[in-house]
Protein backbone atom coordinates (compact mmCIF):
# COMPACT_ATOMS: atom_id res chain seq x y z
CA MET A 1 -62.53 62.14 21.26
CA ASP A 2 -58.98 61.33 23.02
CA ASN A 3 -59.01 58.55 25.71
CA ASP A 4 -56.71 61.05 27.88
CA VAL A 5 -59.92 63.33 28.35
CA ILE A 6 -61.31 63.11 31.70
CA GLU A 7 -64.97 62.57 31.20
CA PHE A 8 -66.47 62.17 34.94
CA LYS A 9 -64.98 63.78 38.21
CA LEU A 10 -66.55 62.81 41.67
CA VAL A 11 -65.61 65.02 44.50
CA ILE A 12 -66.43 63.81 48.03
CA GLU A 13 -65.87 65.75 51.13
CA LEU A 14 -66.33 64.28 54.81
CA ASP A 15 -67.34 66.54 58.14
CA ASP A 16 -64.12 65.64 59.71
CA GLU A 17 -65.23 67.40 62.94
CA LYS A 18 -68.30 65.33 63.28
CA LEU A 19 -66.28 62.25 62.39
CA ASP A 20 -63.84 63.02 65.32
CA ARG A 21 -66.58 64.16 67.44
CA ASP A 22 -68.19 60.91 67.01
CA ASN A 23 -65.18 59.10 67.73
CA TRP A 24 -64.25 57.85 64.31
CA GLU A 25 -60.58 57.62 63.10
CA ILE A 26 -60.47 60.19 60.15
CA GLU A 27 -57.90 58.32 58.35
CA ASP A 28 -59.50 55.01 58.61
CA THR A 29 -62.76 56.53 57.61
CA TYR A 30 -61.13 58.04 54.46
CA ARG A 31 -59.26 54.78 53.73
CA ILE A 32 -62.88 53.00 53.87
CA VAL A 33 -64.52 55.48 51.47
CA ARG A 34 -61.53 54.94 49.21
CA GLY A 35 -61.98 51.33 49.30
CA ILE A 36 -65.67 51.67 47.63
CA PHE A 37 -64.00 53.26 44.66
CA ASP A 38 -60.62 51.68 44.42
CA LYS A 39 -62.23 48.45 43.59
CA ASN A 40 -63.03 49.85 39.91
CA ALA A 41 -60.31 49.77 37.40
CA ASP A 42 -61.62 52.90 35.70
CA LEU A 43 -61.51 55.13 38.34
CA HIS A 44 -58.45 56.77 39.34
CA PRO A 45 -57.81 58.74 42.57
CA VAL A 46 -56.64 62.30 42.32
CA ASP A 47 -54.18 63.57 45.00
CA ASN A 48 -55.17 67.01 46.75
CA ASP A 49 -54.52 68.78 49.89
CA ASP A 50 -58.15 70.28 50.42
CA GLY A 51 -59.42 67.15 52.19
CA GLU A 52 -61.64 66.14 49.46
CA ILE A 53 -61.60 62.51 47.82
CA ILE A 54 -61.72 62.89 44.14
CA TYR A 55 -61.79 60.30 41.34
CA ILE A 56 -61.90 60.83 37.89
CA SER A 57 -62.37 58.40 34.71
CA TYR A 58 -61.36 58.97 31.43
CA TYR A 59 -63.58 59.30 28.07
CA GLY A 60 -64.32 55.86 26.92
CA ALA A 61 -63.82 54.04 29.96
CA LYS A 62 -65.97 50.80 30.09
CA ASN A 63 -66.96 51.22 33.97
CA GLY A 64 -66.60 55.00 34.74
CA TYR A 65 -70.05 56.26 34.70
CA SER A 66 -71.30 53.08 36.44
CA GLY A 67 -68.33 52.93 39.17
CA ILE A 68 -69.01 56.53 39.95
CA GLY A 69 -72.84 56.21 40.11
CA GLY A 70 -72.74 52.72 41.99
CA GLY A 71 -69.76 53.76 44.42
CA GLY A 72 -71.84 56.95 45.07
CA ILE A 73 -74.84 55.00 46.08
CA ARG A 74 -73.34 52.32 48.04
CA LEU A 75 -71.22 55.19 49.90
CA TYR A 76 -74.88 57.17 50.40
CA ASP A 77 -76.70 54.10 51.68
CA SER A 78 -73.61 53.07 54.66
CA TRP A 79 -73.05 54.20 57.83
CA LEU A 80 -70.95 57.09 56.46
CA ARG A 81 -74.07 59.08 55.00
CA PRO A 82 -74.16 61.58 58.39
CA TYR A 83 -70.58 62.26 57.56
CA ILE A 84 -70.83 63.27 54.00
CA LYS A 85 -70.66 66.97 53.53
CA ARG A 86 -70.52 66.99 50.07
CA MET A 87 -70.72 64.85 47.00
CA GLU A 88 -70.53 66.11 43.19
CA TRP A 89 -70.61 64.34 39.91
CA HIS A 90 -69.04 66.48 37.47
CA ASN A 91 -69.53 65.64 33.83
CA LEU A 92 -66.37 67.29 32.23
CA ILE A 93 -67.45 66.98 28.61
CA ASP A 94 -70.73 68.76 28.96
CA GLY A 95 -69.79 71.09 31.91
CA THR A 96 -72.69 69.63 34.21
CA MET A 97 -72.49 68.88 37.78
CA GLU A 98 -75.06 66.94 39.88
CA ASP A 99 -75.23 67.29 43.56
CA CYS A 100 -75.35 63.61 44.47
CA LEU A 101 -76.72 64.41 48.04
CA ASP A 102 -79.44 66.60 46.60
CA ILE A 103 -80.63 63.81 44.01
CA LEU A 104 -80.35 60.93 46.74
CA ASN A 105 -81.97 62.60 49.39
């Protein structure tokens, strides 16, 4: 399989209304979330205009699986948990999707 093939995708959606209501700076909060995943060289951010935070890893990446899993758990176990509306882990090779919040709750 080609190393340009995307294997995993993590999609995170935060509750901006709740962040704002609780007086958190939305842009700073997104920067904190990205910082959890940016430390892993095998995870690559994807720009989008939907307000989602998306990271991908390519097939064969040494730390893609553990980076998404470990980062997702760190995010879930942080003070940000009440502000996570959605966190999905997509395996683009086999077409499956896991609802991380459902699994971790």
